[in-house]
Amino acid sequence: MRKTLSTAITAALFMPLIAGASQSFPISYSSVGVEGSYVDSGNSDNKGSVQDNLSNYFEGGLNVTHQFNPTFSVLLQGSYAEPETRTQNLDTELFRGSLGARLHPGKFRLGGWRPFGGAGYSYTDIDVDQGGGKTEDAIYLEGGFQRMVAPRFMIETGVRARTELEEGYVDGQYFAGIHYLFGREFPAAPKPVVAVQPKPEPVVRPPMDTDGDGVIDDLDKCPDTPMGALVDSDGCPKELTKDIKETLYVEFDLDKTEVKPQFYPEIGELAKVLKQYPTSTILLEGHTDSTGSASYNQQLSKSRADAVMKVLIDRFSIPSARISTTGMGESQPIASNATVEGRAQNRRVEAIVSGEYSEIIKK
């Protein structure tokens, strides 16, 4: 029985640690509950009295409470324990009855927990297995916290200091419990205030011009005109057609057709223009210096233009249908072929983007 009692009390002590979300406290209620506690037993000045000299022990109890209003409640408790005496390890049975009062703050909460403080009177009957016994009168002070974990269930935990009136020793008691509430009362819900609203005067709104182009929505055939664009009488933007021209130079080593990686960024910028204007096309013109025969240079220049086209297709996903190539051979030098530097400049591919795009005219 002692083991069963200890297990039940330990479960009650840990109940606050597994509690769920807090609920609102009723302003008044009655409740029944169970309590588990651990008593740090004091010592009597009379060392010859085994009844007063008990080892620390677990105690279980039944509670009945009534909360009169948000700030005051009373507690009636009956409890039982089986402590041993310190001097001879004799088994005892302890029966205790307590009556107390508690004060609660009206609205103060600490993380959902409501604090309380209280005081009361305890009467204790101690029976020793081998004969003998004693009764004690004591007063106690207590403090702790309570929390609603469901509409009808409340948990609490706290500590008591109980002073025996005849010999003056003090027991410390650490307790936790759970209560079932009934007869609950809650604050009355405030009555809704129904305000009589005057009938609003009819509002005549001016014609809407959502896109701000000067043409009202009812007449606007192009309702999403960009801000600041010039529009015609139907609200549609006026457009201006422009030519696209972009030129690229890619230089090659002597008698080579490989595109050097250092020119990839410039080719990439040209690819951005092609993607921005999807109707545009590009012409790649290959050139050589005067080294070698004219027929060989013609073929070499075409191969260089084809090499740049392959980069545009493979690395930048430009469709081949938008690219054309031609070989100009050595016919159009841009520098003198008499110097090394000049010949290097003449070994090149030029790219010309052509096409048209429409631009909205801004105010």
Protein backbone atom coordinates (compact mmCIF):
# COMPACT_ATOMS: atom_id res chain seq x y z
CA MET A 1 0.00 0.00 0.00
CA ARG A 2 2.86 2.35 0.79
CA LYS A 3 4.31 1.87 -2.73
CA THR A 4 0.92 2.52 -4.38
CA LEU A 5 0.44 5.68 -2.34
CA SER A 6 3.92 6.95 -3.28
CA THR A 7 3.30 6.34 -6.97
CA ALA A 8 -0.03 8.22 -6.92
CA ILE A 9 1.48 11.16 -5.05
CA THR A 10 4.47 11.35 -7.41
CA ALA A 11 2.12 11.47 -10.42
CA ALA A 12 0.18 14.33 -8.81
CA LEU A 13 3.43 16.19 -8.11
CA PHE A 14 4.39 16.08 -11.79
CA MET A 15 0.92 16.92 -13.08
CA PRO A 16 1.71 20.64 -13.64
CA LEU A 17 4.59 19.73 -15.93
CA ILE A 18 2.32 17.95 -18.41
CA ALA A 19 -0.61 20.35 -18.29
CA GLY A 20 -2.08 21.65 -21.50
CA ALA A 21 -3.14 25.13 -22.51
CA SER A 22 -4.66 27.33 -19.83
CA GLN A 23 -8.38 28.24 -19.69
CA SER A 24 -10.20 31.15 -18.09
CA PHE A 25 -11.04 30.91 -14.37
CA PRO A 26 -14.72 31.11 -13.37
CA ILE A 27 -15.53 33.91 -10.95
CA SER A 28 -17.04 31.34 -8.53
CA TYR A 29 -17.23 27.54 -8.36
CA SER A 30 -17.11 24.45 -6.14
CA SER A 31 -14.62 21.62 -6.68
CA VAL A 32 -13.45 18.21 -5.51
CA GLY A 33 -9.90 17.06 -6.02
CA VAL A 34 -6.93 14.94 -5.03
CA GLU A 35 -3.60 16.13 -3.73
CA GLY A 36 -0.17 14.54 -3.45
CA SER A 37 2.55 16.01 -1.26
CA TYR A 38 5.98 15.44 0.20
CA VAL A 39 6.44 16.41 3.86
CA ASP A 40 9.84 17.55 5.15
CA SER A 41 9.13 16.55 8.75
CA GLY A 42 10.33 18.70 11.66
CA ASN A 43 11.67 17.32 14.94
CA SER A 44 10.12 17.63 18.38
CA ASP A 45 12.14 18.94 21.29
CA ASN A 46 10.95 15.83 23.11
CA LYS A 47 13.30 13.19 21.61
CA GLY A 48 11.72 10.40 23.66
CA SER A 49 8.37 10.74 21.89
CA VAL A 50 8.45 8.64 18.76
CA GLN A 51 5.17 10.09 17.51
CA ASP A 52 6.73 13.55 17.15
CA ASN A 53 9.96 12.45 15.56
CA LEU A 54 8.87 11.25 12.08
CA SER A 55 10.96 10.70 8.96
CA ASN A 56 10.11 12.62 5.79
CA TYR A 57 7.10 11.07 4.05
CA PHE A 58 4.60 11.25 1.18
CA GLU A 59 1.00 12.19 1.93
CA GLY A 60 -2.17 11.91 -0.17
CA GLY A 61 -5.38 13.83 0.35
CA LEU A 62 -8.91 14.61 -0.83
CA ASN A 63 -10.00 18.25 -1.15
CA VAL A 64 -13.30 20.09 -1.28
CA THR A 65 -13.14 23.79 -2.11
CA HIS A 66 -15.53 26.62 -2.78
CA GLN A 67 -14.57 29.85 -4.56
CA PHE A 68 -16.98 32.56 -3.38
CA ASN A 69 -15.73 35.29 -5.69
CA PRO A 70 -12.62 36.02 -7.80
CA THR A 71 -10.53 36.82 -4.67
CA PHE A 72 -11.63 34.45 -1.86
CA SER A 73 -12.04 30.68 -1.41
CA VAL A 74 -12.11 28.07 1.39
CA LEU A 75 -10.53 24.60 1.47
CA LEU A 76 -11.53 21.47 3.42
CA GLN A 77 -9.04 18.61 3.24
CA GLY A 78 -8.68 15.08 4.58
CA SER A 79 -5.31 13.34 4.10
CA TYR A 80 -3.50 10.11 4.91
CA ALA A 81 0.17 9.01 5.18
CA GLU A 82 2.28 6.10 6.48
CA PRO A 83 5.51 7.64 7.80
CA GLU A 84 8.13 5.88 9.92
CA THR A 85 9.62 7.12 13.16
CA ARG A 86 13.20 8.33 13.04
CA THR A 87 14.42 6.65 16.22
CA GLN A 88 13.13 3.08 15.86
CA ASN A 89 11.80 2.96 12.26
CA LEU A 90 8.34 2.07 13.52
CA ASP A 91 5.45 2.16 11.04
CA THR A 92 2.71 4.67 11.74
CA GLU A 93 -0.56 5.77 10.25
CA LEU A 94 -1.32 9.49 10.01
CA PHE A 95 -4.80 10.97 9.51
CA ARG A 96 -5.11 14.71 9.06
CA GLY A 97 -8.02 17.10 8.65
CA SER A 98 -7.47 20.72 7.54
CA LEU A 99 -9.61 23.79 7.07
CA GLY A 100 -8.21 26.92 5.42
CA ALA A 101 -8.93 30.09 3.48
CA ARG A 102 -7.19 31.43 0.41
CA LEU A 103 -6.80 34.82 -1.25
CA HIS A 104 -6.42 35.15 -5.05
CA PRO A 105 -5.58 38.21 -7.14
CA GLY A 106 -8.50 39.14 -9.36
CA LYS A 107 -6.78 39.38 -12.75
CA PHE A 108 -3.03 38.94 -12.23
CA ARG A 109 -1.58 35.92 -14.06
CA LEU A 110 1.96 34.63 -14.48
CA GLY A 111 2.14 32.76 -17.77
CA GLY A 112 -1.45 31.57 -17.34
CA TRP A 113 -0.91 30.63 -13.64
CA ARG A 114 -2.98 32.34 -10.89
CA PRO A 115 -1.08 32.78 -7.60
CA PHE A 116 -2.72 32.31 -4.20
CA GLY A 117 -1.85 32.61 -0.56
CA GLY A 118 -3.65 31.15 2.43
CA ALA A 119 -3.73 30.09 6.05
CA GLY A 120 -5.58 27.45 8.05
CA TYR A 121 -5.87 24.94 10.89
CA SER A 122 -4.91 21.22 10.87
CA TYR A 123 -5.85 18.42 13.28
CA THR A 124 -3.60 15.31 13.07
CA ASP A 125 -4.05 11.81 14.55
CA ILE A 126 -0.88 9.64 14.60
CA ASP A 127 -1.13 5.90 15.41
CA VAL A 128 1.99 3.73 15.93
CA ASP A 129 1.77 0.03 14.91
CA GLN A 130 3.21 -1.23 18.21
CA GLY A 131 0.87 0.86 20.30
CA GLY A 132 0.63 4.45 21.32
CA GLY A 133 -0.44 7.49 19.47
CA LYS A 134 -0.92 11.21 19.60
CA THR A 135 -3.07 14.02 18.27
CA GLU A 136 -1.74 17.41 17.22
CA ASP A 137 -3.17 20.85 16.60
CA ALA A 138 -1.33 23.02 14.07
CA ILE A 139 -1.72 26.15 12.01
CA TYR A 140 -0.26 26.58 8.56
CA LEU A 141 0.60 29.19 5.95
CA GLU A 142 0.68 28.31 2.25
CA GLY A 143 1.34 29.80 -1.15
CA GLY A 144 1.22 28.48 -4.70
CA PHE A 145 -0.16 28.70 -8.22
CA GLN A 146 -3.29 27.40 -9.97
CA ARG A 147 -4.00 26.88 -13.67
CA MET A 148 -7.08 25.89 -15.66
CA VAL A 149 -6.18 23.08 -18.08
CA ALA A 150 -9.69 22.29 -19.35
CA PRO A 151 -13.12 23.90 -18.88
CA ARG A 152 -13.73 21.81 -15.69
CA PHE A 153 -10.23 20.86 -14.54
CA MET A 154 -7.77 22.94 -12.54
CA ILE A 155 -4.29 22.01 -11.31
CA GLU A 156 -2.35 23.60 -8.49
CA THR A 157 1.07 23.39 -6.89
CA GLY A 158 2.61 25.09 -3.89
CA VAL A 159 4.24 24.82 -0.46
CA ARG A 160 2.95 24.90 3.15
CA ALA A 161 4.66 25.60 6.45
CA ARG A 162 2.76 23.83 9.28
CA THR A 163 3.56 24.72 12.92
CA GLU A 164 2.52 22.34 15.73
CA LEU A 165 0.97 24.50 18.47
CA GLU A 166 2.05 22.53 21.58
CA GLU A 167 5.73 21.91 20.89
CA GLY A 168 6.37 24.46 18.10
CA TYR A 169 8.16 22.35 15.50
CA VAL A 170 7.56 23.14 11.80
CA ASP A 171 6.87 20.78 8.88
CA GLY A 172 7.46 21.85 5.29
CA GLN A 173 4.99 20.42 2.77
CA TYR A 174 5.37 20.55 -1.04
CA PHE A 175 2.11 19.72 -2.77
CA ALA A 176 0.42 19.41 -6.16
CA GLY A 177 -3.17 18.52 -6.98
CA ILE A 178 -5.93 18.44 -9.55
CA HIS A 179 -9.54 19.60 -9.05
CA TYR A 180 -12.82 18.97 -10.87
CA LEU A 181 -15.03 22.10 -10.96
CA PHE A 182 -18.81 22.28 -10.85
CA GLY A 183 -21.35 25.01 -10.13
CA ARG A 184 -19.28 27.42 -12.21
CA GLU A 185 -20.25 31.04 -12.76
CA PHE A 186 -18.72 33.36 -15.33
CA PRO A 187 -19.00 37.12 -15.91
CA ALA A 188 -22.10 38.05 -17.88
CA ALA A 189 -21.37 38.90 -21.49
CA PRO A 190 -21.81 42.60 -22.20
CA LYS A 191 -24.92 43.43 -24.15
CA PRO A 192 -24.12 44.58 -27.66
CA VAL A 193 -24.78 48.25 -28.30
CA VAL A 194 -26.73 48.71 -31.49
CA ALA A 195 -26.12 52.14 -32.90
CA VAL A 196 -28.67 53.58 -35.26
CA GLN A 197 -26.78 54.65 -38.34
CA PRO A 198 -28.18 57.52 -40.38
CA LYS A 199 -28.79 56.73 -44.00
CA PRO A 200 -25.82 57.96 -46.02
CA GLU A 201 -26.38 60.57 -48.67
CA PRO A 202 -26.01 59.21 -52.19
CA VAL A 203 -22.53 59.88 -53.52
CA VAL A 204 -22.13 60.93 -57.10
CA ARG A 205 -18.68 59.81 -58.12
CA PRO A 206 -16.78 61.31 -61.05
CA PRO A 207 -15.98 59.07 -64.03
CA MET A 208 -13.06 56.73 -63.32
CA ASP A 209 -9.75 56.90 -65.19
CA THR A 210 -7.93 53.89 -63.72
CA ASP A 211 -4.71 54.12 -65.74
CA GLY A 212 -4.53 57.94 -65.54
CA ASP A 213 -4.13 58.51 -69.28
CA GLY A 214 -6.85 61.18 -69.55
CA VAL A 215 -9.46 58.87 -71.14
CA ILE A 216 -12.26 57.66 -68.81
CA ASP A 217 -12.68 53.90 -68.34
CA ASP A 218 -16.01 53.77 -70.22
CA LEU A 219 -14.27 55.04 -73.39
CA ASP A 220 -10.80 53.55 -72.85
CA LYS A 221 -10.07 50.68 -75.28
CA CYS A 222 -6.60 50.14 -73.76
CA PRO A 223 -7.19 50.16 -69.96
CA ASP A 224 -3.64 49.15 -69.00
CA THR A 225 -1.70 51.96 -70.65
CA PRO A 226 1.69 52.52 -68.93
CA MET A 227 1.94 55.64 -66.77
CA GLY A 228 3.12 58.68 -68.73
CA ALA A 229 2.48 57.30 -72.24
CA LEU A 230 0.99 59.44 -75.00
CA VAL A 231 -2.41 58.04 -76.04
CA ASP A 232 -4.89 58.55 -78.83
CA SER A 233 -8.59 59.32 -78.41
CA ASP A 234 -9.31 55.65 -77.63
CA GLY A 235 -6.79 55.60 -74.76
CA CYS A 236 -4.28 53.42 -76.63
CA PRO A 237 -0.56 54.29 -76.53
CA LYS A 238 1.17 55.85 -79.51
CA GLU A 239 4.20 53.86 -80.67
CA LEU A 240 7.51 54.80 -82.29
CA THR A 241 9.45 52.33 -84.47
CA LYS A 242 13.26 52.20 -84.09
CA ASP A 243 16.06 50.24 -85.73
CA ILE A 244 18.29 47.90 -83.71
CA LYS A 245 22.01 47.99 -84.44
CA GLU A 246 24.64 46.17 -82.38
CA THR A 247 28.22 45.39 -83.51
CA LEU A 248 30.62 42.78 -82.07
CA TYR A 249 34.31 42.16 -82.77
CA VAL A 250 35.90 38.77 -82.07
CA GLU A 251 39.62 38.41 -82.85
CA PHE A 252 41.42 35.13 -83.75
CA ASP A 253 44.96 33.79 -83.65
CA LEU A 254 46.89 33.32 -86.89
CA ASP A 255 45.36 30.58 -89.09
CA LYS A 256 42.92 29.60 -86.25
CA THR A 257 39.12 29.36 -86.02
CA GLU A 258 38.69 28.68 -82.28
CA VAL A 259 36.77 31.39 -80.37
CA LYS A 260 38.81 32.49 -77.35
CA PRO A 261 36.92 32.23 -74.01
CA GLN A 262 37.83 35.85 -73.27
CA PHE A 263 35.24 36.90 -75.91
CA TYR A 264 32.38 34.79 -74.38
CA PRO A 265 31.11 37.67 -72.14
CA GLU A 266 30.83 40.01 -75.16
CA ILE A 267 29.03 37.33 -77.16
CA GLY A 268 26.72 36.80 -74.17
CA GLU A 269 25.79 40.50 -74.10
CA LEU A 270 24.91 40.27 -77.79
CA ALA A 271 22.75 37.20 -77.04
CA LYS A 272 20.82 39.25 -74.45
CA VAL A 273 19.93 41.80 -77.14
CA LEU A 274 18.73 39.01 -79.44
CA LYS A 275 16.53 37.57 -76.68
CA GLN A 276 15.17 41.02 -75.79
CA TYR A 277 14.09 41.62 -79.39
CA PRO A 278 12.92 38.20 -80.65
CA THR A 279 12.20 39.43 -84.20
CA SER A 280 15.77 40.59 -84.80
CA THR A 281 18.39 38.68 -86.82
CA ILE A 282 22.19 38.65 -86.78
CA LEU A 283 24.79 38.58 -89.56
CA LEU A 284 28.27 37.27 -88.68
CA GLU A 285 31.06 38.47 -91.06
CA GLY A 286 34.40 36.65 -90.89
CA HIS A 287 37.67 38.43 -91.83
CA THR A 288 41.37 37.48 -92.17
CA ASP A 289 44.67 39.24 -92.62
CA SER A 290 46.60 39.10 -95.90
CA THR A 291 48.69 36.07 -94.92
CA GLY A 292 48.02 33.15 -97.29
CA SER A 293 46.17 32.96 -100.58
CA ALA A 294 42.95 34.85 -101.20
CA SER A 295 40.93 31.64 -101.74
CA TYR A 296 42.22 30.11 -98.53
CA ASN A 297 41.50 33.30 -96.58
CA GLN A 298 37.95 33.36 -97.96
CA GLN A 299 37.30 29.83 -96.60
CA LEU A 300 39.08 30.62 -93.29
CA SER A 301 36.98 33.75 -92.72
CA LYS A 302 33.73 31.81 -93.28
CA SER A 303 34.88 29.15 -90.79
CA ARG A 304 35.54 31.85 -88.18
CA ALA A 305 32.02 33.26 -88.62
CA ASP A 306 30.60 29.72 -88.27
CA ALA A 307 32.62 29.25 -85.04
CA VAL A 308 30.99 32.33 -83.46
CA MET A 309 27.56 31.10 -84.62
CA LYS A 310 28.19 27.77 -82.85
CA VAL A 311 28.94 29.63 -79.59
CA LEU A 312 25.67 31.57 -79.86
CA ILE A 313 23.71 28.36 -80.48
CA ASP A 314 25.44 26.03 -77.98
CA ARG A 315 26.16 28.37 -75.07
CA PHE A 316 23.36 30.95 -75.33
CA SER A 317 20.50 29.01 -77.04
CA ILE A 318 20.00 31.40 -79.97
CA PRO A 319 18.04 29.61 -82.79
CA SER A 320 20.18 28.97 -85.87
CA ALA A 321 17.38 30.35 -88.09
CA ARG A 322 18.11 33.84 -86.75
CA ILE A 323 21.85 33.66 -87.60
CA SER A 324 23.54 33.99 -90.98
CA THR A 325 27.29 33.89 -91.73
CA THR A 326 29.53 35.06 -94.55
CA GLY A 327 33.27 35.10 -95.25
CA MET A 328 34.84 38.39 -96.32
CA GLY A 329 38.37 37.00 -96.61
CA GLU A 330 41.11 39.67 -96.57
CA SER A 331 39.06 42.20 -98.51
CA GLN A 332 38.07 44.55 -95.65
CA PRO A 333 41.05 45.18 -93.34
CA ILE A 334 40.57 47.62 -90.47
CA ALA A 335 44.32 47.98 -89.82
CA SER A 336 47.56 47.70 -91.75
CA ASN A 337 48.65 44.18 -92.68
CA ALA A 338 52.28 45.37 -92.61
CA THR A 339 52.50 45.05 -88.81
CA VAL A 340 51.88 42.19 -86.37
CA GLU A 341 49.38 44.28 -84.42
CA GLY A 342 47.48 45.28 -87.52
CA ARG A 343 47.24 41.72 -88.83
CA ALA A 344 45.89 40.60 -85.40
CA GLN A 345 43.09 43.18 -85.61
CA ASN A 346 42.21 42.06 -89.12
CA ARG A 347 41.73 38.43 -87.99
CA ARG A 348 38.20 38.98 -86.65
CA VAL A 349 34.46 38.32 -86.85
CA GLU A 350 32.04 41.23 -86.89
CA ALA A 351 28.40 40.75 -85.87
CA ILE A 352 25.59 43.06 -86.95
CA VAL A 353 22.12 42.77 -85.39
CA SER A 354 19.27 44.18 -87.46
CA GLY A 355 15.56 44.51 -86.93
CA GLU A 356 12.84 46.84 -85.64
CA TYR A 357 10.99 47.26 -82.36
CA SER A 358 8.15 49.48 -81.18
CA GLU A 359 8.59 51.85 -78.26
CA ILE A 360 5.74 53.60 -76.44
CA ILE A 361 6.10 57.39 -76.65
CA LYS A 362 6.30 58.97 -73.16
CA LYS A 363 4.89 62.37 -72.26
